[in-house]
Amino acid sequence: MSLYSNIVYSNNIAYEILRIASIELFLNKDRSVNKHVLGLYVHECNGDHVLQKENKFLICRSIEEAQIII
């Protein structure tokens, strides 16, 4: 994963970073990630993908490839 300003690349796909949030905000008492709450947050941010960098979640939106129209 490579990070440049508000764009991150993962598996050769570009994502726009919408929000950066601490993983701690989404942990259950047993320290597992509450995927339901995380999913609600991603939806609220209009994101479609979550990446993890160190102890942060990067809430992202996929950047579609440009299409040439002739």
PDB file of N, CA and C in Angstrom:
ATOM      1  N   MET A   1       0.848  -1.163   0.000  1.00  0.00           N
ATOM      2  CA  MET A   1       0.000   0.000   0.000  1.00  0.00           C
ATOM      3  C   MET A   1       0.898   1.232   0.000  1.00  0.00           C
ATOM      4  N   SER A   2       0.619   2.133  -0.889  1.00  0.00           N
ATOM      5  CA  SER A   2       1.397   3.356  -1.033  1.00  0.00           C
ATOM      6  C   SER A   2       0.482   4.552  -0.804  1.00  0.00           C
ATOM      7  N   LEU A   3       0.917   5.524  -0.017  1.00  0.00           N
ATOM      8  CA  LEU A   3       0.067   6.649   0.346  1.00  0.00           C
ATOM      9  C   LEU A   3       0.608   7.943  -0.232  1.00  0.00           C
ATOM     10  N   TYR A   4      -0.192   8.658  -1.033  1.00  0.00           N
ATOM     11  CA  TYR A   4       0.168   9.948  -1.609  1.00  0.00           C
ATOM     12  C   TYR A   4      -0.989  10.900  -1.380  1.00  0.00           C
ATOM     13  N   SER A   5      -0.800  11.956  -0.634  1.00  0.00           N
ATOM     14  CA  SER A   5      -1.816  12.956  -0.272  1.00  0.00           C
ATOM     15  C   SER A   5      -3.120  12.261   0.076  1.00  0.00           C
ATOM     16  N   ASN A   6      -4.180  12.473  -0.677  1.00  0.00           N
ATOM     17  CA  ASN A   6      -5.444  11.829  -0.333  1.00  0.00           C
ATOM     18  C   ASN A   6      -5.789  10.669  -1.269  1.00  0.00           C
ATOM     19  N   ILE A   7      -4.790  10.127  -1.959  1.00  0.00           N
ATOM     20  CA  ILE A   7      -4.978   8.959  -2.823  1.00  0.00           C
ATOM     21  C   ILE A   7      -4.055   7.854  -2.338  1.00  0.00           C
ATOM     22  N   VAL A   8      -4.604   6.668  -2.260  1.00  0.00           N
ATOM     23  CA  VAL A   8      -3.824   5.505  -1.841  1.00  0.00           C
ATOM     24  C   VAL A   8      -4.018   4.421  -2.897  1.00  0.00           C
ATOM     25  N   TYR A   9      -2.964   3.646  -3.141  1.00  0.00           N
ATOM     26  CA  TYR A   9      -3.027   2.550  -4.105  1.00  0.00           C
ATOM     27  C   TYR A   9      -2.874   1.234  -3.360  1.00  0.00           C
ATOM     28  N   SER A  10      -3.747   0.306  -3.663  1.00  0.00           N
ATOM     29  CA  SER A  10      -3.673  -1.028  -3.084  1.00  0.00           C
ATOM     30  C   SER A  10      -4.035  -2.018  -4.182  1.00  0.00           C
ATOM     31  N   ASN A  11      -3.153  -2.987  -4.422  1.00  0.00           N
ATOM     32  CA  ASN A  11      -3.358  -3.978  -5.486  1.00  0.00           C
ATOM     33  C   ASN A  11      -3.635  -3.310  -6.833  1.00  0.00           C
ATOM     34  N   ASN A  12      -2.878  -2.259  -7.120  1.00  0.00           N
ATOM     35  CA  ASN A  12      -2.971  -1.503  -8.380  1.00  0.00           C
ATOM     36  C   ASN A  12      -4.324  -0.842  -8.602  1.00  0.00           C
ATOM     37  N   ILE A  13      -5.058  -0.621  -7.528  1.00  0.00           N
ATOM     38  CA  ILE A  13      -6.335   0.098  -7.600  1.00  0.00           C
ATOM     39  C   ILE A  13      -6.175   1.388  -6.811  1.00  0.00           C
ATOM     40  N   ALA A  14      -6.648   2.498  -7.394  1.00  0.00           N
ATOM     41  CA  ALA A  14      -6.551   3.797  -6.734  1.00  0.00           C
ATOM     42  C   ALA A  14      -7.807   4.057  -5.915  1.00  0.00           C
ATOM     43  N   TYR A  15      -7.603   4.580  -4.700  1.00  0.00           N
ATOM     44  CA  TYR A  15      -8.705   4.935  -3.822  1.00  0.00           C
ATOM     45  C   TYR A  15      -8.514   6.361  -3.317  1.00  0.00           C
ATOM     46  N   GLU A  16      -9.600   7.097  -3.240  1.00  0.00           N
ATOM     47  CA  GLU A  16      -9.589   8.415  -2.625  1.00  0.00           C
ATOM     48  C   GLU A  16      -9.863   8.227  -1.139  1.00  0.00           C
ATOM     49  N   ILE A  17      -9.008   8.785  -0.289  1.00  0.00           N
ATOM     50  CA  ILE A  17      -9.218   8.687   1.150  1.00  0.00           C
ATOM     51  C   ILE A  17     -10.240   9.747   1.565  1.00  0.00           C
ATOM     52  N   LEU A  18     -11.330   9.291   2.152  1.00  0.00           N
ATOM     53  CA  LEU A  18     -12.385  10.189   2.599  1.00  0.00           C
ATOM     54  C   LEU A  18     -12.212  10.571   4.066  1.00  0.00           C
ATOM     55  N   ARG A  19     -11.833   9.597   4.877  1.00  0.00           N
ATOM     56  CA  ARG A  19     -11.640   9.803   6.312  1.00  0.00           C
ATOM     57  C   ARG A  19     -10.560   8.848   6.809  1.00  0.00           C
ATOM     58  N   ILE A  20      -9.897   9.247   7.879  1.00  0.00           N
ATOM     59  CA  ILE A  20      -8.957   8.376   8.575  1.00  0.00           C
ATOM     60  C   ILE A  20      -9.450   8.274  10.004  1.00  0.00           C
ATOM     61  N   ALA A  21      -9.642   7.049  10.487  1.00  0.00           N
ATOM     62  CA  ALA A  21     -10.187   6.838  11.827  1.00  0.00           C
ATOM     63  C   ALA A  21      -9.350   5.823  12.584  1.00  0.00           C
ATOM     64  N   SER A  22      -9.229   6.031  13.863  1.00  0.00           N
ATOM     65  CA  SER A  22      -8.514   5.087  14.719  1.00  0.00           C
ATOM     66  C   SER A  22      -9.286   3.777  14.800  1.00  0.00           C
ATOM     67  N   ILE A  23      -8.568   2.689  14.745  1.00  0.00           N
ATOM     68  CA  ILE A  23      -9.198   1.366  14.868  1.00  0.00           C
ATOM     69  C   ILE A  23      -9.899   1.248  16.219  1.00  0.00           C
ATOM     70  N   GLU A  24      -9.348   1.903  17.240  1.00  0.00           N
ATOM     71  CA  GLU A  24      -9.903   1.839  18.596  1.00  0.00           C
ATOM     72  C   GLU A  24     -11.387   2.207  18.633  1.00  0.00           C
ATOM     73  N   LEU A  25     -11.835   3.072  17.726  1.00  0.00           N
ATOM     74  CA  LEU A  25     -13.233   3.503  17.704  1.00  0.00           C
ATOM     75  C   LEU A  25     -14.194   2.381  17.342  1.00  0.00           C
ATOM     76  N   PHE A  26     -13.695   1.315  16.744  1.00  0.00           N
ATOM     77  CA  PHE A  26     -14.552   0.253  16.220  1.00  0.00           C
ATOM     78  C   PHE A  26     -14.335  -1.086  16.910  1.00  0.00           C
ATOM     79  N   LEU A  27     -13.662  -1.073  18.061  1.00  0.00           N
ATOM     80  CA  LEU A  27     -13.372  -2.328  18.749  1.00  0.00           C
ATOM     81  C   LEU A  27     -14.451  -2.687  19.756  1.00  0.00           C
ATOM     82  N   ASN A  28     -14.758  -3.985  19.811  1.00  0.00           N
ATOM     83  CA  ASN A  28     -15.636  -4.533  20.840  1.00  0.00           C
ATOM     84  C   ASN A  28     -14.836  -4.695  22.128  1.00  0.00           C
ATOM     85  N   LYS A  29     -15.512  -5.097  23.189  1.00  0.00           N
ATOM     86  CA  LYS A  29     -14.827  -5.316  24.476  1.00  0.00           C
ATOM     87  C   LYS A  29     -13.741  -6.374  24.374  1.00  0.00           C
ATOM     88  N   ASP A  30     -13.945  -7.366  23.498  1.00  0.00           N
ATOM     89  CA  ASP A  30     -12.945  -8.432  23.343  1.00  0.00           C
ATOM     90  C   ASP A  30     -11.852  -8.058  22.340  1.00  0.00           C
ATOM     91  N   ARG A  31     -11.805  -6.774  21.912  1.00  0.00           N
ATOM     92  CA  ARG A  31     -10.792  -6.210  21.017  1.00  0.00           C
ATOM     93  C   ARG A  31     -10.946  -6.651  19.562  1.00  0.00           C
ATOM     94  N   SER A  32     -12.057  -7.298  19.220  1.00  0.00           N
ATOM     95  CA  SER A  32     -12.335  -7.624  17.817  1.00  0.00           C
ATOM     96  C   SER A  32     -13.003  -6.410  17.174  1.00  0.00           C
ATOM     97  N   VAL A  33     -12.891  -6.307  15.864  1.00  0.00           N
ATOM     98  CA  VAL A  33     -13.481  -5.180  15.142  1.00  0.00           C
ATOM     99  C   VAL A  33     -14.975  -5.410  14.970  1.00  0.00           C
ATOM    100  N   ASN A  34     -15.765  -4.403  15.318  1.00  0.00           N
ATOM    101  CA  ASN A  34     -17.208  -4.453  15.116  1.00  0.00           C
ATOM    102  C   ASN A  34     -17.468  -4.049  13.664  1.00  0.00           C
ATOM    103  N   LYS A  35     -17.577  -5.042  12.811  1.00  0.00           N
ATOM    104  CA  LYS A  35     -17.715  -4.798  11.372  1.00  0.00           C
ATOM    105  C   LYS A  35     -19.025  -4.097  11.028  1.00  0.00           C
ATOM    106  N   HIS A  36     -20.060  -4.329  11.803  1.00  0.00           N
ATOM    107  CA  HIS A  36     -21.340  -3.674  11.543  1.00  0.00           C
ATOM    108  C   HIS A  36     -21.216  -2.156  11.742  1.00  0.00           C
ATOM    109  N   VAL A  37     -20.639  -1.748  12.864  1.00  0.00           N
ATOM    110  CA  VAL A  37     -20.471  -0.320  13.138  1.00  0.00           C
ATOM    111  C   VAL A  37     -19.520   0.305  12.123  1.00  0.00           C
ATOM    112  N   LEU A  38     -18.447  -0.396  11.795  1.00  0.00           N
ATOM    113  CA  LEU A  38     -17.518   0.100  10.776  1.00  0.00           C
ATOM    114  C   LEU A  38     -18.231   0.272   9.441  1.00  0.00           C
ATOM    115  N   GLY A  39     -19.061  -0.689   9.061  1.00  0.00           N
ATOM    116  CA  GLY A  39     -19.811  -0.610   7.816  1.00  0.00           C
ATOM    117  C   GLY A  39     -20.763   0.574   7.790  1.00  0.00           C
ATOM    118  N   LEU A  40     -21.416   0.837   8.922  1.00  0.00           N
ATOM    119  CA  LEU A  40     -22.307   1.997   9.008  1.00  0.00           C
ATOM    120  C   LEU A  40     -21.523   3.297   8.826  1.00  0.00           C
ATOM    121  N   TYR A  41     -20.343   3.359   9.415  1.00  0.00           N
ATOM    122  CA  TYR A  41     -19.504   4.554   9.293  1.00  0.00           C
ATOM    123  C   TYR A  41     -19.046   4.748   7.845  1.00  0.00           C
ATOM    124  N   VAL A  42     -18.629   3.681   7.200  1.00  0.00           N
ATOM    125  CA  VAL A  42     -18.200   3.749   5.802  1.00  0.00           C
ATOM    126  C   VAL A  42     -19.361   4.237   4.932  1.00  0.00           C
ATOM    127  N   HIS A  43     -20.543   3.703   5.170  1.00  0.00           N
ATOM    128  CA  HIS A  43     -21.733   4.123   4.413  1.00  0.00           C
ATOM    129  C   HIS A  43     -22.019   5.610   4.651  1.00  0.00           C
ATOM    130  N   GLU A  44     -21.926   6.057   5.888  1.00  0.00           N
ATOM    131  CA  GLU A  44     -22.174   7.464   6.232  1.00  0.00           C
ATOM    132  C   GLU A  44     -21.183   8.394   5.531  1.00  0.00           C
ATOM    133  N   CYS A  45     -19.957   7.916   5.320  1.00  0.00           N
ATOM    134  CA  CYS A  45     -18.921   8.712   4.643  1.00  0.00           C
ATOM    135  C   CYS A  45     -19.010   8.604   3.120  1.00  0.00           C
ATOM    136  N   ASN A  46     -19.976   7.823   2.616  1.00  0.00           N
ATOM    137  CA  ASN A  46     -20.112   7.556   1.179  1.00  0.00           C
ATOM    138  C   ASN A  46     -18.908   6.809   0.614  1.00  0.00           C
ATOM    139  N   GLY A  47     -18.304   5.973   1.438  1.00  0.00           N
ATOM    140  CA  GLY A  47     -17.171   5.168   1.004  1.00  0.00           C
ATOM    141  C   GLY A  47     -17.622   3.817   0.487  1.00  0.00           C
ATOM    142  N   ASP A  48     -16.666   3.097  -0.123  1.00  0.00           N
ATOM    143  CA  ASP A  48     -16.971   1.752  -0.601  1.00  0.00           C
ATOM    144  C   ASP A  48     -15.849   0.765  -0.300  1.00  0.00           C
ATOM    145  N   HIS A  49     -14.843   1.232   0.464  1.00  0.00           N
ATOM    146  CA  HIS A  49     -13.709   0.357   0.739  1.00  0.00           C
ATOM    147  C   HIS A  49     -13.009   0.820   2.014  1.00  0.00           C
ATOM    148  N   VAL A  50     -12.465  -0.131   2.770  1.00  0.00           N
ATOM    149  CA  VAL A  50     -11.693   0.184   3.971  1.00  0.00           C
ATOM    150  C   VAL A  50     -10.326  -0.453   3.846  1.00  0.00           C
ATOM    151  N   LEU A  51      -9.291   0.345   4.073  1.00  0.00           N
ATOM    152  CA  LEU A  51      -7.925  -0.160   4.125  1.00  0.00           C
ATOM    153  C   LEU A  51      -7.381   0.089   5.519  1.00  0.00           C
ATOM    154  N   GLN A  52      -6.423  -0.734   5.932  1.00  0.00           N
ATOM    155  CA  GLN A  52      -5.810  -0.548   7.243  1.00  0.00           C
ATOM    156  C   GLN A  52      -4.359  -0.170   7.065  1.00  0.00           C
ATOM    157  N   LYS A  53      -3.939   0.887   7.747  1.00  0.00           N
ATOM    158  CA  LYS A  53      -2.539   1.297   7.765  1.00  0.00           C
ATOM    159  C   LYS A  53      -2.175   1.523   9.212  1.00  0.00           C
ATOM    160  N   GLU A  54      -1.291   0.652   9.730  1.00  0.00           N
ATOM    161  CA  GLU A  54      -0.896   0.673  11.134  1.00  0.00           C
ATOM    162  C   GLU A  54      -2.147   0.572  12.002  1.00  0.00           C
ATOM    163  N   ASN A  55      -2.400   1.535  12.877  1.00  0.00           N
ATOM    164  CA  ASN A  55      -3.563   1.444  13.775  1.00  0.00           C
ATOM    165  C   ASN A  55      -4.711   2.348  13.317  1.00  0.00           C
ATOM    166  N   LYS A  56      -4.791   2.592  12.013  1.00  0.00           N
ATOM    167  CA  LYS A  56      -5.819   3.454  11.434  1.00  0.00           C
ATOM    168  C   LYS A  56      -6.590   2.719  10.349  1.00  0.00           C
ATOM    169  N   PHE A  57      -7.867   3.057  10.236  1.00  0.00           N
ATOM    170  CA  PHE A  57      -8.663   2.625   9.096  1.00  0.00           C
ATOM    171  C   PHE A  57      -8.737   3.794   8.130  1.00  0.00           C
ATOM    172  N   LEU A  58      -8.492   3.525   6.865  1.00  0.00           N
ATOM    173  CA  LEU A  58      -8.649   4.517   5.815  1.00  0.00           C
ATOM    174  C   LEU A  58      -9.981   4.236   5.142  1.00  0.00           C
ATOM    175  N   ILE A  59     -10.915   5.142   5.306  1.00  0.00           N
ATOM    176  CA  ILE A  59     -12.224   5.003   4.690  1.00  0.00           C
ATOM    177  C   ILE A  59     -12.101   5.601   3.292  1.00  0.00           C
ATOM    178  N   CYS A  60     -12.345   4.804   2.271  1.00  0.00           N
ATOM    179  CA  CYS A  60     -12.015   5.199   0.898  1.00  0.00           C
ATOM    180  C   CYS A  60     -13.184   5.015  -0.060  1.00  0.00           C
ATOM    181  N   ARG A  61     -13.005   5.655  -1.209  1.00  0.00           N
ATOM    182  CA  ARG A  61     -13.910   5.474  -2.349  1.00  0.00           C
ATOM    183  C   ARG A  61     -13.045   5.098  -3.548  1.00  0.00           C
ATOM    184  N   SER A  62     -13.452   4.077  -4.274  1.00  0.00           N
ATOM    185  CA  SER A  62     -12.707   3.640  -5.455  1.00  0.00           C
ATOM    186  C   SER A  62     -12.697   4.746  -6.507  1.00  0.00           C
ATOM    187  N   ILE A  63     -11.547   4.930  -7.148  1.00  0.00           N
ATOM    188  CA  ILE A  63     -11.425   5.876  -8.252  1.00  0.00           C
ATOM    189  C   ILE A  63     -11.536   5.071  -9.533  1.00  0.00           C
ATOM    190  N   GLU A  64     -12.575   5.354 -10.297  1.00  0.00           N
ATOM    191  CA  GLU A  64     -12.787   4.601 -11.530  1.00  0.00           C
ATOM    192  C   GLU A  64     -11.789   5.021 -12.584  1.00  0.00           C
ATOM    193  N   GLU A  65     -11.392   4.065 -13.396  1.00  0.00           N
ATOM    194  CA  GLU A  65     -10.462   4.363 -14.496  1.00  0.00           C
ATOM    195  C   GLU A  65     -11.178   5.195 -15.544  1.00  0.00           C
ATOM    196  N   ALA A  66     -10.454   6.109 -16.136  1.00  0.00           N
ATOM    197  CA  ALA A  66     -11.033   6.937 -17.189  1.00  0.00           C
ATOM    198  C   ALA A  66     -11.311   6.091 -18.424  1.00  0.00           C
ATOM    199  N   GLN A  67     -12.406   6.407 -19.083  1.00  0.00           N
ATOM    200  CA  GLN A  67     -12.759   5.711 -20.300  1.00  0.00           C
ATOM    201  C   GLN A  67     -12.684   6.706 -21.466  1.00  0.00           C
ATOM    202  N   ILE A  68     -12.026   6.286 -22.520  1.00  0.00           N
ATOM    203  CA  ILE A  68     -11.915   7.136 -23.709  1.00  0.00           C
ATOM    204  C   ILE A  68     -13.136   6.923 -24.571  1.00  0.00           C
ATOM    205  N   ILE A  69     -13.838   8.016 -24.879  1.00  0.00           N
ATOM    206  CA  ILE A  69     -15.034   7.942 -25.706  1.00  0.00           C
ATOM    207  C   ILE A  69     -14.728   8.605 -27.030  1.00  0.00           C
ATOM    208  N   ILE A  70     -14.930   7.867 -28.102  1.00  0.00           N
ATOM    209  CA  ILE A  70     -14.618   8.391 -29.447  1.00  0.00           C
ATOM    210  C   ILE A  70     -15.901   8.691 -30.178  1.00  0.00           C
TER     211      ILE A  70
END
